[in-house]
């Protein structure tokens, strides 16, 4: 599975990185990016990041 961050929506709050730094990081523009794939070990944390993103900028697909 893969997580995606819409950089147009992202406000760079870093909340997703707090939930799952195994998948998300802030890029040089201060926006979040998903730099690794989602796996069974981090799926719950990625879903928490999706559910708690204040601007709903994160999605995931198989």
N, C-alpha and C. Protein backbone atom coordinates (compact mmCIF):
# COMPACT_ATOMS: atom_id res chain seq x y z
N UNK A 1 0.83 -1.18 0.00
CA UNK A 1 0.00 0.00 0.00
C UNK A 1 0.88 1.24 0.00
N UNK A 2 0.29 2.31 -0.46
CA UNK A 2 1.03 3.56 -0.58
C UNK A 2 0.20 4.70 0.00
N UNK A 3 0.85 5.57 0.74
CA UNK A 3 0.21 6.78 1.25
C UNK A 3 0.58 7.94 0.33
N UNK A 4 -0.34 8.88 0.22
CA UNK A 4 -0.12 10.07 -0.62
C UNK A 4 -0.47 11.31 0.18
N UNK A 5 0.30 12.37 -0.05
CA UNK A 5 0.02 13.65 0.59
C UNK A 5 -0.21 14.67 -0.52
N UNK A 6 -1.34 15.34 -0.48
CA UNK A 6 -1.64 16.42 -1.42
C UNK A 6 -0.93 17.67 -0.93
N UNK A 7 0.16 18.03 -1.61
CA UNK A 7 0.97 19.17 -1.17
C UNK A 7 0.23 20.49 -1.31
N UNK A 8 -0.79 20.53 -2.15
CA UNK A 8 -1.59 21.74 -2.28
C UNK A 8 -2.40 21.98 -1.00
N UNK A 9 -2.83 20.90 -0.36
CA UNK A 9 -3.62 21.01 0.87
C UNK A 9 -2.76 21.06 2.12
N UNK A 10 -1.62 20.41 2.09
CA UNK A 10 -0.76 20.28 3.27
C UNK A 10 -0.35 21.65 3.80
N UNK A 11 -0.47 21.81 5.13
CA UNK A 11 -0.07 23.06 5.77
C UNK A 11 1.26 22.92 6.52
N UNK A 12 1.85 21.73 6.45
CA UNK A 12 3.16 21.51 7.05
C UNK A 12 3.16 21.46 8.57
N UNK A 13 2.05 21.03 9.15
CA UNK A 13 1.97 21.00 10.63
C UNK A 13 2.82 19.88 11.23
N UNK A 14 3.11 18.83 10.46
CA UNK A 14 3.96 17.75 10.93
C UNK A 14 3.25 16.70 11.78
N UNK A 15 1.94 16.82 11.91
CA UNK A 15 1.20 15.86 12.73
C UNK A 15 1.36 14.43 12.20
N UNK A 16 1.36 14.27 10.90
CA UNK A 16 1.51 12.94 10.31
C UNK A 16 2.87 12.33 10.67
N UNK A 17 3.88 13.16 10.73
CA UNK A 17 5.22 12.69 11.11
C UNK A 17 5.22 12.24 12.57
N UNK A 18 4.45 12.91 13.40
CA UNK A 18 4.34 12.53 14.80
C UNK A 18 3.68 11.16 14.92
N UNK A 19 2.65 10.94 14.12
CA UNK A 19 1.96 9.65 14.16
C UNK A 19 2.79 8.53 13.55
N UNK A 20 3.47 8.81 12.45
CA UNK A 20 4.19 7.73 11.76
C UNK A 20 5.39 8.27 10.98
N UNK A 21 6.48 8.49 11.69
CA UNK A 21 7.69 8.99 11.01
C UNK A 21 8.36 7.91 10.17
N UNK A 22 7.85 6.68 10.26
CA UNK A 22 8.35 5.61 9.40
C UNK A 22 7.91 5.80 7.96
N UNK A 23 6.85 6.57 7.74
CA UNK A 23 6.29 6.76 6.40
C UNK A 23 6.33 8.23 5.97
N UNK A 24 6.10 9.14 6.92
CA UNK A 24 5.99 10.57 6.58
C UNK A 24 7.18 11.37 7.08
N UNK A 25 7.53 12.39 6.31
CA UNK A 25 8.56 13.35 6.72
C UNK A 25 8.23 14.68 6.06
N UNK A 26 8.82 15.75 6.59
CA UNK A 26 8.65 17.06 5.97
C UNK A 26 9.75 17.24 4.94
N UNK A 27 9.37 17.71 3.77
CA UNK A 27 10.37 17.93 2.72
C UNK A 27 11.00 19.31 2.84
N UNK A 28 11.85 19.65 1.92
CA UNK A 28 12.57 20.93 2.00
C UNK A 28 11.66 22.14 1.86
N UNK A 29 10.44 21.93 1.34
CA UNK A 29 9.47 23.01 1.23
C UNK A 29 8.61 23.13 2.48
N UNK A 30 8.86 22.27 3.47
CA UNK A 30 8.09 22.30 4.71
C UNK A 30 6.75 21.60 4.60
N UNK A 31 6.57 20.84 3.54
CA UNK A 31 5.34 20.08 3.33
C UNK A 31 5.62 18.61 3.61
N UNK A 32 4.58 17.90 4.00
CA UNK A 32 4.73 16.48 4.28
C UNK A 32 4.83 15.68 2.99
N UNK A 33 5.53 14.56 3.07
CA UNK A 33 5.59 13.62 1.96
C UNK A 33 5.65 12.21 2.52
N UNK A 34 5.09 11.28 1.79
CA UNK A 34 5.16 9.87 2.15
C UNK A 34 6.37 9.30 1.43
N UNK A 35 7.41 9.00 2.17
CA UNK A 35 8.67 8.57 1.55
C UNK A 35 8.89 7.06 1.60
N UNK A 36 8.01 6.35 2.31
CA UNK A 36 8.09 4.89 2.35
C UNK A 36 6.70 4.31 2.20
N UNK A 37 6.63 3.06 1.80
CA UNK A 37 5.36 2.39 1.62
C UNK A 37 4.73 2.01 2.96
N UNK A 38 3.44 1.84 2.93
CA UNK A 38 2.69 1.38 4.10
C UNK A 38 2.78 -0.14 4.14
N UNK A 39 2.99 -0.68 5.34
CA UNK A 39 3.02 -2.13 5.49
C UNK A 39 2.19 -2.52 6.71
N UNK A 40 2.10 -3.80 6.98
CA UNK A 40 1.25 -4.26 8.08
C UNK A 40 1.73 -3.77 9.44
N UNK A 41 3.01 -3.44 9.55
CA UNK A 41 3.56 -2.96 10.82
C UNK A 41 3.22 -1.50 11.12
N UNK A 42 2.98 -0.69 10.08
CA UNK A 42 2.70 0.72 10.31
C UNK A 42 1.31 1.16 9.82
N UNK A 43 0.52 0.22 9.36
CA UNK A 43 -0.80 0.54 8.81
C UNK A 43 -1.68 1.31 9.79
N UNK A 44 -1.72 0.89 11.03
CA UNK A 44 -2.58 1.56 12.02
C UNK A 44 -2.10 2.99 12.25
N UNK A 45 -0.79 3.19 12.33
CA UNK A 45 -0.26 4.55 12.54
C UNK A 45 -0.54 5.45 11.35
N UNK A 46 -0.43 4.90 10.14
CA UNK A 46 -0.73 5.69 8.94
C UNK A 46 -2.21 6.06 8.92
N UNK A 47 -3.07 5.13 9.29
CA UNK A 47 -4.51 5.43 9.33
C UNK A 47 -4.80 6.52 10.37
N UNK A 48 -4.10 6.50 11.48
CA UNK A 48 -4.27 7.56 12.49
C UNK A 48 -3.84 8.91 11.92
N UNK A 49 -2.76 8.92 11.16
CA UNK A 49 -2.31 10.16 10.53
C UNK A 49 -3.37 10.68 9.55
N UNK A 50 -3.94 9.77 8.77
CA UNK A 50 -4.99 10.15 7.82
C UNK A 50 -6.19 10.72 8.57
N UNK A 51 -6.62 10.02 9.61
CA UNK A 51 -7.81 10.42 10.37
C UNK A 51 -7.62 11.75 11.10
N UNK A 52 -6.39 12.08 11.46
CA UNK A 52 -6.14 13.28 12.26
C UNK A 52 -5.55 14.46 11.50
N UNK A 53 -5.29 14.30 10.21
CA UNK A 53 -4.76 15.41 9.42
C UNK A 53 -5.79 16.55 9.43
N UNK A 54 -5.41 17.73 9.88
CA UNK A 54 -6.38 18.82 10.03
C UNK A 54 -6.95 19.34 8.71
N UNK A 55 -6.29 19.04 7.61
CA UNK A 55 -6.78 19.53 6.32
C UNK A 55 -7.10 18.39 5.35
N UNK A 56 -7.14 17.15 5.87
CA UNK A 56 -7.46 15.96 5.07
C UNK A 56 -6.61 15.86 3.81
N UNK A 57 -5.31 16.04 3.98
CA UNK A 57 -4.39 16.03 2.83
C UNK A 57 -3.81 14.65 2.54
N UNK A 58 -4.08 13.67 3.39
CA UNK A 58 -3.45 12.36 3.25
C UNK A 58 -4.46 11.33 2.80
N UNK A 59 -4.04 10.47 1.88
CA UNK A 59 -4.87 9.36 1.44
C UNK A 59 -3.98 8.13 1.30
N UNK A 60 -4.62 6.99 1.10
CA UNK A 60 -3.88 5.75 0.97
C UNK A 60 -4.60 4.86 -0.03
N UNK A 61 -3.84 4.14 -0.84
CA UNK A 61 -4.42 3.17 -1.77
C UNK A 61 -3.53 1.96 -1.86
N UNK A 62 -4.15 0.86 -2.29
CA UNK A 62 -3.41 -0.40 -2.41
C UNK A 62 -2.63 -0.46 -3.68
